[in-house]
Amino acid sequence: MTILLSTLNARYAHASLGLRYLLANMGELQGRTRLQEFVIGAKTTEVVEKLLSHAPRIIGFGVYIWNVDETTKVVAMLKRIAPG
């Protein structure tokens, strides 16, 4: 099982501390958990392709006021392409 933690950051220079805290506290699941960050403005299809390339069982998103719309688009596409 792979768990993927992801977010869409405002810029490349910004890192998601919240996701890093989650990753650091995954306990026995930490070895099976990956972190994948993107930048707002990335093509939705490219984000989805990169996420699915890890064959995750679970994807968790860090959602913030600045990335709600784009994250919603990514999740909608994921549900269409990989509904399981």
N, C-alpha and C. Protein backbone atom coordinates (compact mmCIF):
# COMPACT_ATOMS: atom_id res chain seq x y z
N MET A 1 0.84 -1.18 0.00
CA MET A 1 0.00 0.00 0.00
C MET A 1 0.88 1.24 0.00
N THR A 2 0.56 2.17 -0.87
CA THR A 2 1.27 3.44 -0.91
C THR A 2 0.31 4.55 -0.53
N ILE A 3 0.77 5.42 0.34
CA ILE A 3 0.02 6.60 0.73
C ILE A 3 0.74 7.80 0.15
N LEU A 4 0.02 8.66 -0.52
CA LEU A 4 0.62 9.83 -1.15
C LEU A 4 0.04 11.08 -0.51
N LEU A 5 0.90 11.94 -0.02
CA LEU A 5 0.50 13.24 0.53
C LEU A 5 0.88 14.29 -0.50
N SER A 6 -0.06 15.12 -0.89
CA SER A 6 0.19 16.06 -1.97
C SER A 6 -0.47 17.41 -1.70
N THR A 7 0.02 18.42 -2.39
CA THR A 7 -0.59 19.74 -2.33
C THR A 7 -0.17 20.55 -3.55
N LEU A 8 -0.87 21.63 -3.77
CA LEU A 8 -0.51 22.61 -4.80
C LEU A 8 -0.05 23.87 -4.08
N ASN A 9 1.24 24.12 -4.13
CA ASN A 9 1.81 25.29 -3.46
C ASN A 9 1.66 26.54 -4.31
N ALA A 10 1.71 27.68 -3.67
CA ALA A 10 1.62 28.96 -4.38
C ALA A 10 2.84 29.20 -5.26
N ARG A 11 4.02 28.74 -4.80
CA ARG A 11 5.27 28.90 -5.55
C ARG A 11 6.18 27.72 -5.25
N TYR A 12 7.21 27.55 -6.10
CA TYR A 12 8.19 26.49 -5.85
C TYR A 12 8.92 26.70 -4.53
N ALA A 13 9.11 27.95 -4.16
CA ALA A 13 9.86 28.27 -2.94
C ALA A 13 9.09 27.91 -1.68
N HIS A 14 7.77 27.76 -1.80
CA HIS A 14 6.95 27.43 -0.64
C HIS A 14 6.88 25.92 -0.48
N ALA A 15 7.05 25.45 0.73
CA ALA A 15 6.93 24.03 1.02
C ALA A 15 5.80 23.83 2.02
N SER A 16 5.13 22.73 1.91
CA SER A 16 4.00 22.45 2.80
C SER A 16 4.50 21.84 4.10
N LEU A 17 4.57 22.66 5.14
CA LEU A 17 5.01 22.16 6.44
C LEU A 17 4.00 21.19 7.04
N GLY A 18 2.72 21.43 6.80
CA GLY A 18 1.69 20.55 7.32
C GLY A 18 1.85 19.12 6.84
N LEU A 19 2.11 18.97 5.54
CA LEU A 19 2.31 17.62 4.99
C LEU A 19 3.58 16.99 5.52
N ARG A 20 4.60 17.80 5.74
CA ARG A 20 5.85 17.26 6.29
C ARG A 20 5.65 16.79 7.74
N TYR A 21 4.84 17.50 8.49
CA TYR A 21 4.52 17.06 9.85
C TYR A 21 3.75 15.73 9.81
N LEU A 22 2.80 15.63 8.90
CA LEU A 22 2.06 14.37 8.76
C LEU A 22 3.00 13.23 8.39
N LEU A 23 3.88 13.48 7.42
CA LEU A 23 4.83 12.45 7.01
C LEU A 23 5.72 12.02 8.17
N ALA A 24 6.19 12.97 8.93
CA ALA A 24 7.08 12.67 10.06
C ALA A 24 6.37 11.87 11.15
N ASN A 25 5.05 11.93 11.18
CA ASN A 25 4.29 11.25 12.23
C ASN A 25 3.46 10.09 11.71
N MET A 26 3.84 9.51 10.60
CA MET A 26 3.10 8.39 10.03
C MET A 26 3.39 7.07 10.74
N GLY A 27 4.35 7.09 11.65
CA GLY A 27 4.65 5.87 12.40
C GLY A 27 5.08 4.74 11.49
N GLU A 28 4.49 3.57 11.68
CA GLU A 28 4.88 2.39 10.90
C GLU A 28 4.53 2.52 9.42
N LEU A 29 3.69 3.47 9.06
CA LEU A 29 3.32 3.69 7.66
C LEU A 29 4.26 4.66 6.94
N GLN A 30 5.19 5.25 7.66
CA GLN A 30 6.06 6.26 7.07
C GLN A 30 6.85 5.72 5.87
N GLY A 31 7.30 4.48 5.96
CA GLY A 31 8.06 3.90 4.86
C GLY A 31 7.25 3.69 3.60
N ARG A 32 5.94 3.69 3.73
CA ARG A 32 5.06 3.49 2.58
C ARG A 32 4.37 4.79 2.17
N THR A 33 4.82 5.89 2.73
CA THR A 33 4.20 7.19 2.46
C THR A 33 5.16 8.07 1.67
N ARG A 34 4.63 8.70 0.64
CA ARG A 34 5.43 9.61 -0.20
C ARG A 34 4.83 11.02 -0.15
N LEU A 35 5.68 11.98 -0.45
CA LEU A 35 5.26 13.38 -0.50
C LEU A 35 5.47 13.87 -1.93
N GLN A 36 4.45 14.47 -2.52
CA GLN A 36 4.53 14.98 -3.88
C GLN A 36 3.89 16.36 -3.91
N GLU A 37 4.69 17.38 -4.21
CA GLU A 37 4.17 18.75 -4.23
C GLU A 37 4.19 19.30 -5.65
N PHE A 38 3.23 20.14 -5.92
CA PHE A 38 3.10 20.80 -7.21
C PHE A 38 2.92 22.29 -6.98
N VAL A 39 2.87 23.04 -8.06
CA VAL A 39 2.68 24.48 -7.99
C VAL A 39 1.36 24.84 -8.67
N ILE A 40 0.65 25.78 -8.08
CA ILE A 40 -0.59 26.26 -8.70
C ILE A 40 -0.27 26.71 -10.12
N GLY A 41 -1.13 26.33 -11.03
CA GLY A 41 -0.91 26.66 -12.44
C GLY A 41 -0.43 25.47 -13.24
N ALA A 42 -0.01 24.41 -12.56
CA ALA A 42 0.38 23.19 -13.27
C ALA A 42 -0.87 22.61 -13.94
N LYS A 43 -0.70 21.98 -15.08
CA LYS A 43 -1.84 21.39 -15.78
C LYS A 43 -2.43 20.27 -14.93
N THR A 44 -3.74 20.30 -14.82
CA THR A 44 -4.44 19.29 -14.01
C THR A 44 -4.11 17.89 -14.49
N THR A 45 -4.09 17.68 -15.79
CA THR A 45 -3.80 16.34 -16.31
C THR A 45 -2.40 15.88 -15.93
N GLU A 46 -1.43 16.78 -15.96
CA GLU A 46 -0.07 16.41 -15.58
C GLU A 46 0.02 16.08 -14.09
N VAL A 47 -0.67 16.84 -13.26
CA VAL A 47 -0.68 16.57 -11.82
C VAL A 47 -1.28 15.18 -11.57
N VAL A 48 -2.41 14.90 -12.20
CA VAL A 48 -3.07 13.61 -12.01
C VAL A 48 -2.18 12.47 -12.50
N GLU A 49 -1.55 12.63 -13.66
CA GLU A 49 -0.66 11.59 -14.18
C GLU A 49 0.48 11.31 -13.22
N LYS A 50 1.08 12.36 -12.69
CA LYS A 50 2.20 12.17 -11.76
C LYS A 50 1.74 11.51 -10.47
N LEU A 51 0.58 11.89 -9.97
CA LEU A 51 0.05 11.27 -8.76
C LEU A 51 -0.20 9.78 -8.99
N LEU A 52 -0.86 9.46 -10.09
CA LEU A 52 -1.20 8.06 -10.36
C LEU A 52 0.02 7.22 -10.72
N SER A 53 1.10 7.85 -11.15
CA SER A 53 2.32 7.09 -11.49
C SER A 53 2.90 6.38 -10.27
N HIS A 54 2.54 6.83 -9.07
CA HIS A 54 3.00 6.19 -7.84
C HIS A 54 2.10 5.02 -7.43
N ALA A 55 1.02 4.81 -8.17
CA ALA A 55 0.03 3.77 -7.86
C ALA A 55 -0.41 3.82 -6.40
N PRO A 56 -0.85 4.99 -5.93
CA PRO A 56 -1.22 5.11 -4.52
C PRO A 56 -2.53 4.41 -4.20
N ARG A 57 -2.63 3.93 -3.00
CA ARG A 57 -3.89 3.38 -2.49
C ARG A 57 -4.70 4.51 -1.85
N ILE A 58 -3.99 5.46 -1.25
CA ILE A 58 -4.61 6.60 -0.57
C ILE A 58 -3.88 7.87 -1.00
N ILE A 59 -4.62 8.92 -1.32
CA ILE A 59 -4.03 10.23 -1.61
C ILE A 59 -4.66 11.23 -0.63
N GLY A 60 -3.81 11.93 0.09
CA GLY A 60 -4.26 12.99 0.99
C GLY A 60 -3.78 14.33 0.48
N PHE A 61 -4.64 15.32 0.47
CA PHE A 61 -4.28 16.64 -0.03
C PHE A 61 -4.25 17.67 1.08
N GLY A 62 -3.25 18.53 1.03
CA GLY A 62 -3.21 19.71 1.87
C GLY A 62 -3.97 20.80 1.12
N VAL A 63 -5.10 21.22 1.67
CA VAL A 63 -5.94 22.20 0.99
C VAL A 63 -5.91 23.50 1.78
N TYR A 64 -5.63 24.56 1.07
CA TYR A 64 -5.52 25.89 1.66
C TYR A 64 -6.37 26.85 0.85
N ILE A 65 -6.58 28.04 1.36
CA ILE A 65 -7.45 29.01 0.69
C ILE A 65 -6.97 29.30 -0.75
N TRP A 66 -5.68 29.25 -0.99
CA TRP A 66 -5.14 29.60 -2.30
C TRP A 66 -5.16 28.43 -3.29
N ASN A 67 -5.47 27.21 -2.85
CA ASN A 67 -5.43 26.10 -3.80
C ASN A 67 -6.73 25.28 -3.84
N VAL A 68 -7.78 25.80 -3.25
CA VAL A 68 -9.05 25.05 -3.18
C VAL A 68 -9.57 24.71 -4.58
N ASP A 69 -9.64 25.70 -5.46
CA ASP A 69 -10.22 25.48 -6.78
C ASP A 69 -9.42 24.45 -7.58
N GLU A 70 -8.11 24.62 -7.62
CA GLU A 70 -7.29 23.69 -8.41
C GLU A 70 -7.26 22.30 -7.80
N THR A 71 -7.24 22.22 -6.48
CA THR A 71 -7.26 20.91 -5.83
C THR A 71 -8.58 20.20 -6.12
N THR A 72 -9.67 20.95 -6.12
CA THR A 72 -10.98 20.37 -6.44
C THR A 72 -10.99 19.80 -7.85
N LYS A 73 -10.37 20.48 -8.80
CA LYS A 73 -10.28 19.98 -10.18
C LYS A 73 -9.46 18.69 -10.24
N VAL A 74 -8.36 18.66 -9.50
CA VAL A 74 -7.51 17.46 -9.47
C VAL A 74 -8.29 16.28 -8.89
N VAL A 75 -8.97 16.50 -7.79
CA VAL A 75 -9.74 15.43 -7.15
C VAL A 75 -10.85 14.93 -8.07
N ALA A 76 -11.54 15.84 -8.74
CA ALA A 76 -12.61 15.44 -9.66
C ALA A 76 -12.06 14.58 -10.79
N MET A 77 -10.91 14.95 -11.33
CA MET A 77 -10.31 14.16 -12.40
C MET A 77 -9.84 12.80 -11.89
N LEU A 78 -9.27 12.78 -10.69
CA LEU A 78 -8.86 11.50 -10.10
C LEU A 78 -10.07 10.57 -9.93
N LYS A 79 -11.19 11.12 -9.50
CA LYS A 79 -12.39 10.31 -9.30
C LYS A 79 -12.91 9.75 -10.62
N ARG A 80 -12.74 10.50 -11.71
CA ARG A 80 -13.18 10.01 -13.02
C ARG A 80 -12.24 8.94 -13.56
N ILE A 81 -10.93 9.17 -13.42
CA ILE A 81 -9.93 8.27 -14.01
C ILE A 81 -9.69 7.03 -13.17
N ALA A 82 -9.61 7.20 -11.87
CA ALA A 82 -9.29 6.09 -10.96
C ALA A 82 -10.27 6.10 -9.79
N PRO A 83 -11.52 5.72 -10.04
CA PRO A 83 -12.55 5.85 -9.01
C PRO A 83 -12.43 4.92 -7.82
N GLY A 84 -11.56 3.95 -7.85
CA GLY A 84 -11.49 2.95 -6.76
C GLY A 84 -10.79 3.48 -5.59
